[in-house]
Amino acid sequence: MPTPELRFDGRVAVVTGGGRGLGRSYALLLAERGCKVVVNDLGGAIRGDGPDTSVAQSVVDEIVAAGGEAIANADTVATPEGGRAIVQAALDAWGRIDVLIHNAGNVRYGAIRDLSYDDFRSVLDVHLLGAFHVVQAAFGPMCDANYGRIVLTSSVGGLYGNATCVNYGMSKAGMLGLNNIAALEGEEHGVRCNVIVPGAVTRMAEGLDISQYPPMEPELVAPVVGWLAHESCDVTGEMIASMAGRVARMFVAETRGVYRPRWTIEDVAAASPAFHEKGEVLDFGLHGHVDHIGYSFAMARSEIAEAH
């Protein structure tokens, strides 16, 4: 028996940054599977300036030519008003929003000591604040409908760091917090939120030597995002990496840790090798806030009990 095709018939998606690269691949794939798509893109240069509304429209034209339904939107994610307008475009056109993929981005390089504040804020406004603007706008309609799929975009440059990318790294690391809270608040309303950590050769790789890269087309990432956006997706609050054909789960983990009833600075220094030991790694998952506290309390109670 062939595997049933996972389709999006009757669903409506918003894809920010949908005019080029990864976003374009997401929009085309969803539309191919029956989804109605709002293709949002300012059409700007890699730094985010020089808007061109034809960029989003060109993707819409591709979708329509293939028999799908889509509309273009050129509002900015960088302001609350823009975020609301992007989501409202879906509501006005089709009366619902089922999927939100926040992919819009810009790049402005600079070391911490040299980066201008304008360049710092520009990247945060699009990546991180932009994510909040569209998530907040979509969250109410999704919760009211008791259904929603949100996919945010992080990066290995945020989760592991990369020099001269402090604005980008902070934005992409901050996506983890938004993801967790949206997943927790959406849990009882059928709204799931996850993060894609993609690796693909797009215009964001401008200036890099990619001569030794394996195949890394955006089309390798799109099916992973498609699954995260589908009603059958059974995970929430997670980070899924997709790079060069490899798909993996990424997560925050802890070592077992060390308990003492009192600590001095010298005690901490002496215990450092023990609490850095990765032999036993704890993965608390979506409810890690509560489970971390519970685990810490349980260790303290156990050690106190043994001492007596």
Protein backbone atom coordinates (compact mmCIF):
# COMPACT_ATOMS: atom_id res chain seq x y z
CA MET A 1 0.00 0.00 0.00
CA PRO A 2 1.46 3.41 -0.94
CA THR A 3 1.75 5.98 1.83
CA PRO A 4 -1.21 8.41 1.69
CA GLU A 5 -0.21 11.87 0.48
CA LEU A 6 -0.26 14.49 3.21
CA ARG A 7 -2.33 17.30 1.78
CA PHE A 8 -3.52 20.76 2.85
CA ASP A 9 -6.85 20.97 1.03
CA GLY A 10 -9.02 23.64 2.65
CA ARG A 11 -6.12 25.00 4.71
CA VAL A 12 -4.75 28.54 4.58
CA ALA A 13 -1.09 29.39 5.20
CA VAL A 14 0.92 32.56 5.63
CA VAL A 15 4.59 32.35 4.66
CA THR A 16 6.69 35.39 5.56
CA GLY A 17 9.75 35.91 3.41
CA GLY A 18 7.99 33.71 0.86
CA GLY A 19 9.34 35.37 -2.26
CA ARG A 20 12.76 33.77 -2.47
CA GLY A 21 14.89 30.90 -1.21
CA LEU A 22 13.46 28.76 1.57
CA GLY A 23 10.21 30.70 1.86
CA ARG A 24 9.50 30.32 -1.84
CA SER A 25 10.07 26.56 -1.59
CA TYR A 26 7.69 26.33 1.38
CA ALA A 27 4.98 28.32 -0.39
CA LEU A 28 5.23 26.31 -3.60
CA LEU A 29 5.14 22.96 -1.79
CA LEU A 30 2.15 23.87 0.36
CA ALA A 31 0.27 25.20 -2.66
CA GLU A 32 1.10 22.05 -4.62
CA ARG A 33 -0.52 20.06 -1.81
CA GLY A 34 -3.74 22.08 -1.95
CA CYS A 35 -3.06 24.90 0.53
CA LYS A 36 -4.12 28.49 -0.09
CA VAL A 37 -1.08 30.69 0.54
CA VAL A 38 -0.39 34.30 1.48
CA VAL A 39 3.08 34.93 0.08
CA ASN A 40 4.50 37.76 2.19
CA ASP A 41 7.72 39.42 1.09
CA LEU A 42 9.02 42.97 0.95
CA GLY A 43 11.32 41.92 -1.85
CA GLY A 44 14.26 43.80 -0.35
CA ALA A 45 17.97 43.24 -0.72
CA ILE A 46 19.76 40.94 1.72
CA ARG A 47 20.12 43.83 4.21
CA GLY A 48 16.38 44.40 4.08
CA ASP A 49 16.39 47.64 2.10
CA GLY A 50 15.16 48.40 -1.43
CA PRO A 51 11.69 46.79 -1.38
CA ASP A 52 10.32 45.19 -4.54
CA THR A 53 6.69 44.04 -4.46
CA SER A 54 7.10 42.00 -7.64
CA VAL A 55 9.11 39.36 -5.73
CA ALA A 56 6.08 38.01 -3.82
CA GLN A 57 3.84 38.40 -6.85
CA SER A 58 6.15 36.26 -8.99
CA VAL A 59 5.68 33.32 -6.59
CA VAL A 60 1.93 33.88 -6.58
CA ASP A 61 2.00 33.80 -10.37
CA GLU A 62 3.82 30.45 -10.28
CA ILE A 63 1.25 29.02 -7.89
CA VAL A 64 -1.72 30.26 -9.88
CA ALA A 65 -0.21 29.02 -13.15
CA ALA A 66 0.04 25.55 -11.60
CA GLY A 67 -3.64 25.65 -10.61
CA GLY A 68 -3.26 26.77 -6.99
CA GLU A 69 -4.56 29.71 -4.97
CA ALA A 70 -2.34 32.43 -3.54
CA ILE A 71 -2.15 36.15 -2.91
CA ALA A 72 0.84 38.45 -2.50
CA ASN A 73 1.45 40.65 0.52
CA ALA A 74 4.22 43.22 0.99
CA ASP A 75 3.60 44.38 4.56
CA THR A 76 6.59 44.34 6.89
CA VAL A 77 6.90 41.90 9.79
CA ALA A 78 9.07 44.48 11.59
CA THR A 79 6.12 46.40 13.07
CA PRO A 80 3.04 45.26 15.03
CA GLU A 81 0.83 46.90 12.41
CA GLY A 82 2.59 45.04 9.63
CA GLY A 83 2.28 41.72 11.43
CA ARG A 84 -1.44 42.23 11.90
CA ALA A 85 -1.88 43.24 8.25
CA ILE A 86 -0.13 40.10 7.02
CA VAL A 87 -2.41 37.81 9.01
CA GLN A 88 -5.46 39.92 8.16
CA ALA A 89 -4.72 39.36 4.46
CA ALA A 90 -5.39 35.64 4.99
CA LEU A 91 -8.53 36.31 7.02
CA ASP A 92 -9.87 38.78 4.46
CA ALA A 93 -9.20 36.47 1.52
CA TRP A 94 -10.25 33.12 2.96
CA GLY A 95 -11.69 33.70 6.44
CA ARG A 96 -9.11 31.65 8.33
CA ILE A 97 -5.45 31.02 9.06
CA ASP A 98 -4.31 27.46 9.71
CA VAL A 99 -0.56 27.68 9.16
CA LEU A 100 1.98 30.39 9.93
CA ILE A 101 5.56 30.00 8.75
CA HIS A 102 7.83 32.86 9.83
CA ASN A 103 10.77 32.77 7.48
CA ALA A 104 11.43 36.47 6.76
CA GLY A 105 14.98 37.55 7.41
CA ASN A 106 17.80 39.96 6.69
CA VAL A 107 21.52 39.95 7.38
CA ARG A 108 23.74 42.77 8.60
CA TYR A 109 27.15 41.54 9.71
CA GLY A 110 29.30 43.16 12.35
CA ALA A 111 31.38 42.34 15.41
CA ILE A 112 29.96 43.29 18.82
CA ARG A 113 32.37 46.19 19.26
CA ASP A 114 31.74 47.61 15.78
CA LEU A 115 28.09 46.92 14.92
CA SER A 116 25.94 50.03 14.56
CA TYR A 117 22.78 50.13 16.60
CA ASP A 118 20.70 50.59 13.43
CA ASP A 119 22.10 47.38 11.99
CA PHE A 120 21.58 45.60 15.32
CA ARG A 121 17.94 46.64 15.56
CA SER A 122 17.15 46.04 11.91
CA VAL A 123 17.92 42.34 12.22
CA LEU A 124 16.15 41.94 15.57
CA ASP A 125 13.10 43.78 14.21
CA VAL A 126 12.71 41.39 11.28
CA HIS A 127 13.75 38.04 12.75
CA LEU A 128 12.79 38.15 16.42
CA LEU A 129 10.27 40.95 16.88
CA GLY A 130 8.86 40.04 13.48
CA ALA A 131 8.20 36.53 14.74
CA PHE A 132 6.29 37.89 17.72
CA HIS A 133 4.30 40.32 15.58
CA VAL A 134 2.95 37.63 13.27
CA VAL A 135 2.56 34.98 15.98
CA GLN A 136 0.56 37.33 18.18
CA ALA A 137 -1.67 38.30 15.25
CA ALA A 138 -2.29 34.67 14.25
CA PHE A 139 -2.56 33.19 17.73
CA GLY A 140 -6.04 34.47 18.60
CA PRO A 141 -7.73 33.27 15.39
CA MET A 142 -5.94 29.92 15.66
CA CYS A 143 -6.91 29.36 19.30
CA ASP A 144 -10.49 30.42 18.60
CA ALA A 145 -10.63 27.87 15.79
CA ASN A 146 -9.00 25.21 18.01
CA TYR A 147 -6.43 24.54 15.32
CA GLY A 148 -3.13 25.95 14.17
CA ARG A 149 0.38 25.10 13.08
CA ILE A 150 3.21 27.59 13.61
CA VAL A 151 6.73 27.11 12.29
CA LEU A 152 9.42 29.55 13.42
CA THR A 153 12.93 29.74 11.98
CA SER A 154 16.11 29.49 14.01
CA SER A 155 19.68 28.80 12.93
CA VAL A 156 22.80 26.97 14.01
CA GLY A 157 24.26 30.48 14.08
CA GLY A 158 21.87 31.28 16.91
CA LEU A 159 21.93 28.00 18.82
CA TYR A 160 25.69 27.51 18.59
CA GLY A 161 26.85 31.02 17.76
CA ASN A 162 28.86 32.51 14.94
CA ALA A 163 31.29 35.43 14.99
CA THR A 164 30.23 38.82 13.57
CA CYS A 165 26.54 37.82 13.70
CA VAL A 166 25.48 38.98 17.16
CA ASN A 167 22.18 40.49 15.98
CA TYR A 168 21.32 37.38 13.97
CA GLY A 169 22.49 35.01 16.71
CA MET A 170 20.47 36.75 19.43
CA SER A 171 17.38 36.75 17.22
CA LYS A 172 17.65 33.09 16.34
CA ALA A 173 18.37 32.04 19.92
CA GLY A 174 15.38 34.07 21.10
CA MET A 175 13.15 31.99 18.83
CA LEU A 176 13.52 29.14 21.30
CA GLY A 177 11.71 31.08 24.03
CA LEU A 178 8.87 32.18 21.77
CA ASN A 179 8.49 28.63 20.49
CA ASN A 180 8.24 27.11 23.94
CA ILE A 181 5.67 29.58 25.19
CA ALA A 182 3.53 29.46 22.05
CA ALA A 183 3.56 25.66 22.28
CA LEU A 184 2.54 25.74 25.96
CA GLU A 185 -0.19 28.34 25.50
CA GLY A 186 -1.47 26.66 22.35
CA GLU A 187 -1.51 23.15 23.79
CA GLU A 188 -5.12 23.20 25.00
CA HIS A 189 -6.33 24.87 21.79
CA GLY A 190 -4.95 22.47 19.20
CA VAL A 191 -2.21 24.95 18.21
CA ARG A 192 1.24 23.46 17.76
CA CYS A 193 4.42 25.48 17.42
CA ASN A 194 7.83 24.20 16.37
CA VAL A 195 11.13 25.57 15.08
CA ILE A 196 12.90 24.68 11.86
CA VAL A 197 16.69 25.04 11.95
CA PRO A 198 17.45 25.02 8.23
CA GLY A 199 20.62 24.90 6.23
CA ALA A 200 20.32 25.75 2.55
CA VAL A 201 22.23 27.69 -0.06
CA THR A 202 20.21 30.84 -0.68
CA ARG A 203 21.13 34.49 -1.15
CA MET A 204 21.83 34.58 2.61
CA ALA A 205 25.03 32.65 1.74
CA GLU A 206 26.26 35.59 -0.32
CA GLY A 207 30.02 36.00 0.11
CA LEU A 208 30.62 32.48 1.48
CA ASP A 209 32.77 29.88 -0.25
CA ILE A 210 30.25 27.13 -1.01
CA SER A 211 32.43 25.22 -3.48
CA GLN A 212 32.80 22.25 -1.13
CA TYR A 213 29.19 22.14 0.06
CA PRO A 214 27.07 19.05 -0.64
CA PRO A 215 23.66 19.56 -2.29
CA MET A 216 21.80 22.06 -0.08
CA GLU A 217 18.84 23.28 -2.09
CA PRO A 218 15.88 24.83 -0.23
CA GLU A 219 13.78 21.98 -1.65
CA LEU A 220 15.58 19.60 0.75
CA VAL A 221 14.24 21.56 3.73
CA ALA A 222 10.71 22.23 2.46
CA PRO A 223 9.26 18.74 3.19
CA VAL A 224 10.38 19.00 6.82
CA VAL A 225 8.57 22.32 7.16
CA GLY A 226 5.62 20.80 5.32
CA TRP A 227 5.36 18.07 7.93
CA LEU A 228 5.64 20.55 10.82
CA ALA A 229 2.82 22.55 9.18
CA HIS A 230 0.55 19.55 8.62
CA GLU A 231 -2.37 18.49 10.79
CA SER A 232 -0.75 15.07 11.30
CA CYS A 233 2.32 16.59 12.96
CA ASP A 234 2.41 15.08 16.45
CA VAL A 235 5.11 17.23 18.08
CA THR A 236 5.07 20.70 19.58
CA GLY A 237 7.67 22.90 21.24
CA GLU A 238 10.50 21.18 19.40
CA MET A 239 13.42 22.24 17.19
CA ILE A 240 14.01 20.22 14.03
CA ALA A 241 17.22 20.70 12.06
CA SER A 242 17.39 20.10 8.32
CA MET A 243 20.67 20.54 6.49
CA ALA A 244 22.09 18.88 3.37
CA GLY A 245 19.52 16.07 3.57
CA ARG A 246 20.03 15.34 7.29
CA VAL A 247 17.06 15.79 9.62
CA ALA A 248 17.55 15.78 13.40
CA ARG A 249 15.94 16.91 16.62
CA MET A 250 17.78 19.63 18.54
CA PHE A 251 17.07 20.27 22.21
CA VAL A 252 18.20 21.92 25.42
CA ALA A 253 19.66 19.43 27.88
CA GLU A 254 21.17 19.37 31.37
CA THR A 255 23.75 17.26 33.15
CA ARG A 256 22.62 15.45 36.31
CA GLY A 257 24.23 18.13 38.44
CA VAL A 258 25.69 18.16 41.94
CA TYR A 259 23.96 18.90 45.25
CA ARG A 260 25.44 20.45 48.39
CA PRO A 261 23.50 21.98 51.29
CA ARG A 262 25.88 24.99 51.22
CA TRP A 263 28.34 26.31 48.67
CA THR A 264 31.46 28.44 48.67
CA ILE A 265 33.19 29.74 45.56
CA GLU A 266 35.89 27.14 46.18
CA ASP A 267 33.27 24.38 46.39
CA VAL A 268 31.86 25.40 43.01
CA ALA A 269 35.34 25.40 41.47
CA ALA A 270 36.04 21.92 42.87
CA ALA A 271 32.68 20.57 41.70
CA SER A 272 32.95 22.02 38.18
CA PRO A 273 34.23 18.78 36.56
CA ALA A 274 31.36 16.85 38.15
CA PHE A 275 28.53 19.16 37.09
CA HIS A 276 30.05 19.46 33.60
CA GLU A 277 30.09 15.66 33.21
CA LYS A 278 27.84 14.68 30.27
CA GLY A 279 27.54 10.99 31.15
CA GLU A 280 23.86 11.39 32.06
CA VAL A 281 22.02 13.99 30.00
CA LEU A 282 18.53 15.09 31.03
CA ASP A 283 16.05 16.13 28.34
CA PHE A 284 13.02 17.71 30.03
CA GLY A 285 11.17 18.72 26.87
CA LEU A 286 8.22 21.09 26.58
CA HIS A 287 7.35 21.12 30.27
CA GLY A 288 10.99 21.50 31.25
CA HIS A 289 10.34 24.60 33.37
CA VAL A 290 8.32 22.58 35.88
CA ASP A 291 10.36 19.39 35.49
CA HIS A 292 13.69 21.18 36.02
CA ILE A 293 12.42 22.64 39.30
CA GLY A 294 10.95 19.30 40.35
CA TYR A 295 14.18 17.44 39.59
CA SER A 296 16.27 19.97 41.51
CA PHE A 297 13.93 19.80 44.51
CA ALA A 298 13.92 15.98 44.44
CA MET A 299 17.73 15.83 44.41
CA ALA A 300 17.90 18.19 47.38
CA ARG A 301 15.31 16.21 49.34
CA SER A 302 17.07 12.93 48.57
CA GLU A 303 20.47 14.19 49.68
CA ILE A 304 19.00 15.72 52.83
CA ALA A 305 17.23 12.47 53.65
CA GLU A 306 20.43 10.45 53.19
CA ALA A 307 22.34 12.87 55.43
CA HIS A 308 19.89 12.14 58.21
